[in-house]
Amino acid sequence: MARQPRGGRNRERAGLLFIAPFLLVFVTLFMTPLFYAGYLSVWKQTLVGGNHFVGFANYAKALVDPAFRSGLGHVAAFFFLQVPVMLILSISLALAIDSGKLRGAKVYRIIAFLPYAVPAVVSSVIWGYLYGPNFGLEAQLSQFLPIPKINFLSSTLALPSLANIVTWEFAGYNMIILYAALKSISTDLYEAAAVDGAGAIRIAWSIKLPALRPAIFLTVLFSVIGSFQLFTEPYNLANIAPMVFNNSYTPNIYAYSTSFTSLDQNYAAALSFLLGFVVIIMSGALRLVARNRKES
């Protein structure tokens, strides 16, 4: 067996040395808590007898838990309501800025991206104030104008109001991803389309939108993960509408309240792992659909 040259061994050692800090942080801050949560999820603590190994009993309980299933229903409805609107808005912004016909395109790009720089806690507080049924903007205007007072945080409008906040936060972020994809399109395609007499709308439909498919898939994938991780916005809005945004409004809020209010860390760990499995399944299904469309 031929020996590896000394220079090759030195390069391997140097590579391991460079990635060692990352591996140390990754194992310490991600893998170790993950394994510990998995360990907690298969135990149950009782007042008499302490911890008992229960296997997958916590997972079986979560599958039939109406509170957990209701939270999954909320985030699923949120995804199908919010993502299409945000995607259309982000694509429209990216196409408008990339068209070259919009004056001050850089300014609009910065303005569209600014809400993403605002922390989610601050965003939910700002919009919670605007939505307030007694002190919000629309509530104050209804005192002086002949318009009906609308309770944006009622059980009927809570989900659209929540979708509006998240769209405001992330539309600019997704716009940047799509805009970067548009800038990678070869200018030869535009020149050939112009020679053929294609207008701006035809170019956008036949060249730009097909080229955006990988970026659109990426934004939808991020939206799937973000929707099922929804926590900050409904948790803060619960201070204004506690009867609507309750302790089980989303799976993350339910796991949090189970762990830190009910003090049942074992069941909370099982809820968290089960939610992670749902996200993996949804992401895998989305990837499979995208691959089938690409092959067809």
Foldseek 3Di string as FASTA:
>chain_A
DDDDDPVVVVVVVVVCVVCVVVVVCCCVVPVVVLVVLVVLQQWFQDPPPGIDGNGCPLLVCLVPDPLAVLQVVLLVVLLVPQVVVLLVLLLVLLLVLVVPPDPPSVVVLCVQQVLLVDDPLVLLVVLLQLQFQCRHPQNVVVVPDVDDRDRCCDLVNVSVSLSVSVSSNCSSVLSVLLNVLQVPDDCVVVVVCVVVVDDSVRCCVPPSVVSCVVSSLVVSLVSLVCSLCDDNNLVSSCVRVVVNSDCRNHLNSVLVCCCPVVVTSNSSSSSVVVSVVVSVVVSVVSVVVSVVVVVD
